[in-house]
């Protein structure tokens, strides 16, 4: 049973990951309202922070809260699993942390120049290079978490969550290409939330302390 007593600083820092996800959701909701004519089912989230978007300034303000919190949480999670869990789970969490850093810094450095796709070098990096990197890291991370989680049933909850996230990530990405016109934004959200949403659960695991799952038993690699 998880209690609030004897929570270490690293455990409390896990809640930063939860806050990061919630602020990210808030940013999407508020930015959509600040963007006249925005169609969330058809347009990508990236349109909200495009350099020419009317919601760009609002998005950037909220992003100064969400992004650092997400990076801190992912980094703390890596520190928390040292010499803990099993090797596949540890590497899976490390890869997810790398994904967080690459996505956060990359998309901030290379935002879309215009809502939609203007075809500039900056847009190419944003849409193809960074998205491919995030997709590859996400698939690799979730696959390792699934295998490592099901390898020992005491980590089954991690495996189940990773399975749902992997299905959403891959399914949403495929849907962005195959979905009928006007539903690309919906498919993108399924993909994005599957990836970013895992940080919410990872933050909860950090707060609870992975020892509550291990029940004092040693973990073999």
C-alpha atoms as a PDB file:
ATOM      1  CA  UNK A   1       0.000   0.000   0.000  1.00  0.00           C
ATOM      2  CA  UNK A   2       1.317   3.435  -0.968  1.00  0.00           C
ATOM      3  CA  UNK A   3       1.153   6.146   1.690  1.00  0.00           C
ATOM      4  CA  UNK A   4       2.315   9.744   1.877  1.00  0.00           C
ATOM      5  CA  UNK A   5       4.609   8.954   4.786  1.00  0.00           C
ATOM      6  CA  UNK A   6       8.341   8.646   4.187  1.00  0.00           C
ATOM      7  CA  UNK A   7       8.130   9.856   0.593  1.00  0.00           C
ATOM      8  CA  UNK A   8      11.612  10.816  -0.575  1.00  0.00           C
ATOM      9  CA  UNK A   9      12.331  13.868  -2.700  1.00  0.00           C
ATOM     10  CA  UNK A  10      12.742  11.707  -5.795  1.00  0.00           C
ATOM     11  CA  UNK A  11       9.287  10.234  -5.169  1.00  0.00           C
ATOM     12  CA  UNK A  12       7.679  13.655  -4.940  1.00  0.00           C
ATOM     13  CA  UNK A  13       9.444  14.705  -8.133  1.00  0.00           C
ATOM     14  CA  UNK A  14       7.475  11.982  -9.894  1.00  0.00           C
ATOM     15  CA  UNK A  15       4.384  14.146  -9.525  1.00  0.00           C
ATOM     16  CA  UNK A  16       6.089  16.684 -11.763  1.00  0.00           C
ATOM     17  CA  UNK A  17       5.579  14.231 -14.611  1.00  0.00           C
ATOM     18  CA  UNK A  18       1.872  14.083 -13.811  1.00  0.00           C
ATOM     19  CA  UNK A  19       1.722  17.896 -13.721  1.00  0.00           C
ATOM     20  CA  UNK A  20       3.604  18.103 -17.026  1.00  0.00           C
ATOM     21  CA  UNK A  21       1.004  15.976 -18.785  1.00  0.00           C
ATOM     22  CA  UNK A  22      -1.906  17.929 -17.291  1.00  0.00           C
ATOM     23  CA  UNK A  23      -0.383  21.283 -18.292  1.00  0.00           C
ATOM     24  CA  UNK A  24       0.211  19.899 -21.784  1.00  0.00           C
ATOM     25  CA  UNK A  25      -3.479  19.006 -22.047  1.00  0.00           C
ATOM     26  CA  UNK A  26      -4.393  22.462 -20.762  1.00  0.00           C
ATOM     27  CA  UNK A  27      -2.122  24.054 -23.371  1.00  0.00           C
ATOM     28  CA  UNK A  28      -3.897  22.182 -26.152  1.00  0.00           C
ATOM     29  CA  UNK A  29      -7.363  23.172 -24.922  1.00  0.00           C
ATOM     30  CA  UNK A  30      -6.527  26.853 -24.403  1.00  0.00           C
ATOM     31  CA  UNK A  31      -4.473  27.153 -27.592  1.00  0.00           C
ATOM     32  CA  UNK A  32      -7.340  25.734 -29.638  1.00  0.00           C
ATOM     33  CA  UNK A  33      -9.622  28.422 -28.242  1.00  0.00           C
ATOM     34  CA  UNK A  34      -7.041  31.085 -29.097  1.00  0.00           C
ATOM     35  CA  UNK A  35      -6.859  29.882 -32.711  1.00  0.00           C
ATOM     36  CA  UNK A  36      -9.965  31.045 -34.639  1.00  0.00           C
ATOM     37  CA  UNK A  37     -11.177  28.437 -37.102  1.00  0.00           C
ATOM     38  CA  UNK A  38      -8.931  25.671 -35.769  1.00  0.00           C
ATOM     39  CA  UNK A  39     -10.329  22.196 -36.512  1.00  0.00           C
ATOM     40  CA  UNK A  40      -8.911  19.762 -33.988  1.00  0.00           C
ATOM     41  CA  UNK A  41     -10.056  16.631 -35.814  1.00  0.00           C
ATOM     42  CA  UNK A  42      -8.314  17.695 -39.010  1.00  0.00           C
ATOM     43  CA  UNK A  43      -5.360  19.788 -37.852  1.00  0.00           C
ATOM     44  CA  UNK A  44      -2.250  18.653 -36.014  1.00  0.00           C
ATOM     45  CA  UNK A  45      -1.270  19.783 -32.535  1.00  0.00           C
ATOM     46  CA  UNK A  46       1.876  21.246 -34.092  1.00  0.00           C
ATOM     47  CA  UNK A  47      -0.301  23.807 -35.892  1.00  0.00           C
ATOM     48  CA  UNK A  48      -1.051  25.381 -32.523  1.00  0.00           C
ATOM     49  CA  UNK A  49       2.580  26.382 -31.946  1.00  0.00           C
ATOM     50  CA  UNK A  50       3.508  27.147 -35.553  1.00  0.00           C
ATOM     51  CA  UNK A  51       5.405  30.398 -35.822  1.00  0.00           C
ATOM     52  CA  UNK A  52       2.534  32.150 -37.601  1.00  0.00           C
ATOM     53  CA  UNK A  53      -0.244  30.653 -35.457  1.00  0.00           C
ATOM     54  CA  UNK A  54      -2.357  33.098 -33.378  1.00  0.00           C
ATOM     55  CA  UNK A  55      -1.994  30.670 -30.468  1.00  0.00           C
ATOM     56  CA  UNK A  56       1.813  30.541 -30.671  1.00  0.00           C
ATOM     57  CA  UNK A  57       2.532  32.946 -27.800  1.00  0.00           C
ATOM     58  CA  UNK A  58       0.047  31.293 -25.445  1.00  0.00           C
ATOM     59  CA  UNK A  59       1.414  27.853 -26.294  1.00  0.00           C
ATOM     60  CA  UNK A  60       4.989  28.935 -25.604  1.00  0.00           C
ATOM     61  CA  UNK A  61       4.053  30.337 -22.199  1.00  0.00           C
ATOM     62  CA  UNK A  62       2.444  27.095 -21.087  1.00  0.00           C
ATOM     63  CA  UNK A  63       5.224  25.082 -22.691  1.00  0.00           C
ATOM     64  CA  UNK A  64       7.769  26.755 -20.406  1.00  0.00           C
ATOM     65  CA  UNK A  65       6.024  24.882 -17.586  1.00  0.00           C
ATOM     66  CA  UNK A  66       5.170  21.596 -19.236  1.00  0.00           C
ATOM     67  CA  UNK A  67       8.447  20.845 -21.040  1.00  0.00           C
ATOM     68  CA  UNK A  68      10.930  21.306 -18.148  1.00  0.00           C
ATOM     69  CA  UNK A  69       8.635  19.331 -15.836  1.00  0.00           C
ATOM     70  CA  UNK A  70       8.498  16.465 -18.305  1.00  0.00           C
ATOM     71  CA  UNK A  71      12.272  16.361 -18.703  1.00  0.00           C
ATOM     72  CA  UNK A  72      12.867  16.469 -14.944  1.00  0.00           C
ATOM     73  CA  UNK A  73      10.384  13.648 -14.377  1.00  0.00           C
ATOM     74  CA  UNK A  74      11.887  11.443 -17.108  1.00  0.00           C
ATOM     75  CA  UNK A  75      15.397  12.013 -15.750  1.00  0.00           C
ATOM     76  CA  UNK A  76      14.338  11.268 -12.176  1.00  0.00           C
ATOM     77  CA  UNK A  77      12.679   8.053 -13.379  1.00  0.00           C
ATOM     78  CA  UNK A  78      16.023   6.930 -14.819  1.00  0.00           C
ATOM     79  CA  UNK A  79      17.712   7.571 -11.489  1.00  0.00           C
ATOM     80  CA  UNK A  80      14.981   5.720  -9.601  1.00  0.00           C
ATOM     81  CA  UNK A  81      15.329   2.492 -11.595  1.00  0.00           C
ATOM     82  CA  UNK A  82      19.082   2.099 -11.218  1.00  0.00           C
ATOM     83  CA  UNK A  83      19.788  -1.400  -9.850  1.00  0.00           C
ATOM     84  CA  UNK A  84      16.046  -1.983  -9.804  1.00  0.00           C
ATOM     85  CA  UNK A  85      13.446  -3.756 -11.966  1.00  0.00           C
ATOM     86  CA  UNK A  86      14.992  -5.900 -14.696  1.00  0.00           C
ATOM     87  CA  UNK A  87      17.341  -4.972 -17.526  1.00  0.00           C
ATOM     88  CA  UNK A  88      14.678  -4.709 -20.228  1.00  0.00           C
ATOM     89  CA  UNK A  89      12.493  -2.456 -18.111  1.00  0.00           C
ATOM     90  CA  UNK A  90      15.416  -0.231 -17.207  1.00  0.00           C
ATOM     91  CA  UNK A  91      16.509   0.172 -20.821  1.00  0.00           C
ATOM     92  CA  UNK A  92      12.901   0.795 -21.845  1.00  0.00           C
ATOM     93  CA  UNK A  93      12.625   3.644 -19.336  1.00  0.00           C
ATOM     94  CA  UNK A  94      16.006   5.030 -20.416  1.00  0.00           C
ATOM     95  CA  UNK A  95      14.844   5.069 -24.043  1.00  0.00           C
ATOM     96  CA  UNK A  96      11.621   6.810 -23.048  1.00  0.00           C
ATOM     97  CA  UNK A  97      13.680   9.478 -21.278  1.00  0.00           C
ATOM     98  CA  UNK A  98      15.767   9.946 -24.437  1.00  0.00           C
ATOM     99  CA  UNK A  99      12.529  10.218 -26.421  1.00  0.00           C
ATOM    100  CA  UNK A 100      11.358  12.953 -24.040  1.00  0.00           C
ATOM    101  CA  UNK A 101      14.564  14.944 -24.465  1.00  0.00           C
ATOM    102  CA  UNK A 102      14.681  14.541 -28.249  1.00  0.00           C
ATOM    103  CA  UNK A 103      11.008  15.436 -28.694  1.00  0.00           C
ATOM    104  CA  UNK A 104      10.986  18.358 -26.278  1.00  0.00           C
ATOM    105  CA  UNK A 105      14.182  20.026 -27.461  1.00  0.00           C
ATOM    106  CA  UNK A 106      13.746  19.086 -31.120  1.00  0.00           C
ATOM    107  CA  UNK A 107      10.199  20.351 -31.574  1.00  0.00           C
ATOM    108  CA  UNK A 108      11.019  23.539 -29.673  1.00  0.00           C
ATOM    109  CA  UNK A 109      14.047  24.178 -31.892  1.00  0.00           C
ATOM    110  CA  UNK A 110      12.228  23.302 -35.124  1.00  0.00           C
ATOM    111  CA  UNK A 111       8.577  24.422 -34.866  1.00  0.00           C
ATOM    112  CA  UNK A 112       6.480  24.545 -38.008  1.00  0.00           C
ATOM    113  CA  UNK A 113       7.010  27.799 -39.888  1.00  0.00           C
ATOM    114  CA  UNK A 114       3.322  27.867 -40.828  1.00  0.00           C
ATOM    115  CA  UNK A 115       0.218  25.959 -39.800  1.00  0.00           C
ATOM    116  CA  UNK A 116       0.010  22.930 -42.037  1.00  0.00           C
ATOM    117  CA  UNK A 117       3.142  22.157 -44.001  1.00  0.00           C
ATOM    118  CA  UNK A 118       5.065  24.885 -45.835  1.00  0.00           C
ATOM    119  CA  UNK A 119       7.841  22.584 -47.035  1.00  0.00           C
ATOM    120  CA  UNK A 120      10.793  24.547 -45.662  1.00  0.00           C
ATOM    121  CA  UNK A 121      13.885  22.794 -44.275  1.00  0.00           C
ATOM    122  CA  UNK A 122      12.640  23.567 -40.769  1.00  0.00           C
ATOM    123  CA  UNK A 123       9.294  21.950 -41.567  1.00  0.00           C
ATOM    124  CA  UNK A 124      11.010  18.887 -43.039  1.00  0.00           C
ATOM    125  CA  UNK A 125      13.029  18.413 -39.855  1.00  0.00           C
ATOM    126  CA  UNK A 126       9.902  18.864 -37.729  1.00  0.00           C
ATOM    127  CA  UNK A 127       7.569  16.588 -39.675  1.00  0.00           C
ATOM    128  CA  UNK A 128       9.883  13.861 -40.925  1.00  0.00           C
ATOM    129  CA  UNK A 129      13.158  13.760 -38.991  1.00  0.00           C
ATOM    130  CA  UNK A 130      11.904  14.429 -35.462  1.00  0.00           C
ATOM    131  CA  UNK A 131       8.672  12.507 -35.884  1.00  0.00           C
ATOM    132  CA  UNK A 132      10.581   9.478 -37.187  1.00  0.00           C
ATOM    133  CA  UNK A 133      13.044   9.668 -34.290  1.00  0.00           C
ATOM    134  CA  UNK A 134      10.253   9.901 -31.720  1.00  0.00           C
ATOM    135  CA  UNK A 135       8.349   7.036 -33.362  1.00  0.00           C
ATOM    136  CA  UNK A 136      11.387   4.729 -33.441  1.00  0.00           C
ATOM    137  CA  UNK A 137      12.350   5.527 -29.847  1.00  0.00           C
ATOM    138  CA  UNK A 138       8.743   5.096 -28.713  1.00  0.00           C
ATOM    139  CA  UNK A 139       8.325   1.702 -30.363  1.00  0.00           C
ATOM    140  CA  UNK A 140      11.656   0.452 -29.009  1.00  0.00           C
ATOM    141  CA  UNK A 141      10.895   1.735 -25.511  1.00  0.00           C
ATOM    142  CA  UNK A 142       7.401   0.265 -25.307  1.00  0.00           C
ATOM    143  CA  UNK A 143       8.472  -3.095 -26.751  1.00  0.00           C
ATOM    144  CA  UNK A 144      11.165  -3.443 -24.086  1.00  0.00           C
ATOM    145  CA  UNK A 145       8.720  -2.401 -21.368  1.00  0.00           C
ATOM    146  CA  UNK A 146       6.205  -4.968 -22.607  1.00  0.00           C
ATOM    147  CA  UNK A 147       8.706  -7.821 -22.719  1.00  0.00           C
ATOM    148  CA  UNK A 148      10.337  -6.845 -19.428  1.00  0.00           C
ATOM    149  CA  UNK A 149       6.981  -6.305 -17.737  1.00  0.00           C
ATOM    150  CA  UNK A 150       5.468  -9.621 -18.738  1.00  0.00           C
ATOM    151  CA  UNK A 151       8.722 -11.391 -17.930  1.00  0.00           C
ATOM    152  CA  UNK A 152       7.861 -11.003 -14.262  1.00  0.00           C
ATOM    153  CA  UNK A 153       4.204 -10.690 -13.308  1.00  0.00           C
ATOM    154  CA  UNK A 154       4.901  -8.222 -10.510  1.00  0.00           C
ATOM    155  CA  UNK A 155       5.589  -5.692 -13.284  1.00  0.00           C
ATOM    156  CA  UNK A 156       2.520  -6.653 -15.283  1.00  0.00           C
ATOM    157  CA  UNK A 157       0.870  -3.252 -14.914  1.00  0.00           C
ATOM    158  CA  UNK A 158       3.799  -1.561 -16.658  1.00  0.00           C
ATOM    159  CA  UNK A 159       3.546  -4.064 -19.493  1.00  0.00           C
ATOM    160  CA  UNK A 160      -0.191  -3.501 -19.907  1.00  0.00           C
ATOM    161  CA  UNK A 161       0.160   0.284 -19.988  1.00  0.00           C
ATOM    162  CA  UNK A 162       3.066   0.024 -22.442  1.00  0.00           C
ATOM    163  CA  UNK A 163       0.986  -2.279 -24.657  1.00  0.00           C
ATOM    164  CA  UNK A 164      -1.865   0.237 -24.816  1.00  0.00           C
ATOM    165  CA  UNK A 165       0.584   3.067 -25.522  1.00  0.00           C
ATOM    166  CA  UNK A 166       2.345   1.093 -28.252  1.00  0.00           C
ATOM    167  CA  UNK A 167      -0.949   0.272 -29.973  1.00  0.00           C
ATOM    168  CA  UNK A 168      -2.000   3.919 -29.812  1.00  0.00           C
ATOM    169  CA  UNK A 169       1.369   5.181 -31.032  1.00  0.00           C
ATOM    170  CA  UNK A 170       1.545   2.845 -34.033  1.00  0.00           C
ATOM    171  CA  UNK A 171      -2.170   2.889 -34.794  1.00  0.00           C
ATOM    172  CA  UNK A 172      -2.384   6.667 -34.616  1.00  0.00           C
ATOM    173  CA  UNK A 173       0.669   7.100 -36.847  1.00  0.00           C
ATOM    174  CA  UNK A 174      -0.742   4.745 -39.462  1.00  0.00           C
ATOM    175  CA  UNK A 175      -4.103   6.478 -39.171  1.00  0.00           C
ATOM    176  CA  UNK A 176      -2.528   9.838 -39.975  1.00  0.00           C
ATOM    177  CA  UNK A 177      -1.755   8.455 -43.429  1.00  0.00           C
ATOM    178  CA  UNK A 178      -4.769   6.233 -44.023  1.00  0.00           C
ATOM    179  CA  UNK A 179      -7.610   8.066 -42.246  1.00  0.00           C
ATOM    180  CA  UNK A 180     -10.235   9.796 -44.403  1.00  0.00           C
ATOM    181  CA  UNK A 181      -9.651  13.470 -45.106  1.00  0.00           C
ATOM    182  CA  UNK A 182     -10.539  15.606 -42.111  1.00  0.00           C
ATOM    183  CA  UNK A 183      -9.520  13.084 -39.439  1.00  0.00           C
ATOM    184  CA  UNK A 184      -5.745  13.427 -39.514  1.00  0.00           C
ATOM    185  CA  UNK A 185      -5.726  15.561 -36.377  1.00  0.00           C
ATOM    186  CA  UNK A 186      -7.668  12.967 -34.446  1.00  0.00           C
ATOM    187  CA  UNK A 187      -5.245  10.226 -35.453  1.00  0.00           C
ATOM    188  CA  UNK A 188      -2.269  12.414 -34.545  1.00  0.00           C
ATOM    189  CA  UNK A 189      -3.711  13.001 -31.088  1.00  0.00           C
ATOM    190  CA  UNK A 190      -4.072   9.278 -30.518  1.00  0.00           C
ATOM    191  CA  UNK A 191      -0.393   8.854 -31.400  1.00  0.00           C
ATOM    192  CA  UNK A 192       0.840  11.834 -29.383  1.00  0.00           C
ATOM    193  CA  UNK A 193      -1.216  11.109 -26.265  1.00  0.00           C
ATOM    194  CA  UNK A 194      -0.072   7.485 -26.326  1.00  0.00           C
ATOM    195  CA  UNK A 195       3.519   8.656 -26.108  1.00  0.00           C
ATOM    196  CA  UNK A 196       3.185  11.708 -23.859  1.00  0.00           C
ATOM    197  CA  UNK A 197       0.590   9.958 -21.721  1.00  0.00           C
ATOM    198  CA  UNK A 198       3.081   7.342 -20.604  1.00  0.00           C
ATOM    199  CA  UNK A 199       4.925  10.093 -18.721  1.00  0.00           C
ATOM    200  CA  UNK A 200       1.789  10.486 -16.591  1.00  0.00           C
ATOM    201  CA  UNK A 201       1.906   6.849 -15.493  1.00  0.00           C
ATOM    202  CA  UNK A 202       5.681   6.836 -15.148  1.00  0.00           C
ATOM    203  CA  UNK A 203       5.400   9.812 -12.808  1.00  0.00           C
ATOM    204  CA  UNK A 204       2.901   7.898 -10.684  1.00  0.00           C
ATOM    205  CA  UNK A 205       5.252   4.903 -10.515  1.00  0.00           C
ATOM    206  CA  UNK A 206       8.089   7.171  -9.392  1.00  0.00           C
ATOM    207  CA  UNK A 207       5.886   8.745  -6.738  1.00  0.00           C
ATOM    208  CA  UNK A 208       4.678   5.380  -5.445  1.00  0.00           C
ATOM    209  CA  UNK A 209       8.206   3.990  -5.446  1.00  0.00           C
ATOM    210  CA  UNK A 210       9.024   0.945  -7.524  1.00  0.00           C
ATOM    211  CA  UNK A 211       9.702  -0.992  -4.326  1.00  0.00           C
ATOM    212  CA  UNK A 212       5.958  -1.352  -3.709  1.00  0.00           C
ATOM    213  CA  UNK A 213       5.847  -3.582  -6.798  1.00  0.00           C
ATOM    214  CA  UNK A 214       8.951  -5.542  -5.947  1.00  0.00           C
ATOM    215  CA  UNK A 215       7.702  -6.306  -2.428  1.00  0.00           C
ATOM    216  CA  UNK A 216      11.229  -6.542  -1.157  1.00  0.00           C
ATOM    217  CA  UNK A 217      12.223  -9.313  -3.546  1.00  0.00           C
ATOM    218  CA  UNK A 218      15.525  -9.072  -5.443  1.00  0.00           C
ATOM    219  CA  UNK A 219      15.285  -8.513  -9.189  1.00  0.00           C
ATOM    220  CA  UNK A 220      17.459 -10.532 -11.555  1.00  0.00           C
ATOM    221  CA  UNK A 221      18.702  -9.275 -14.900  1.00  0.00           C
END
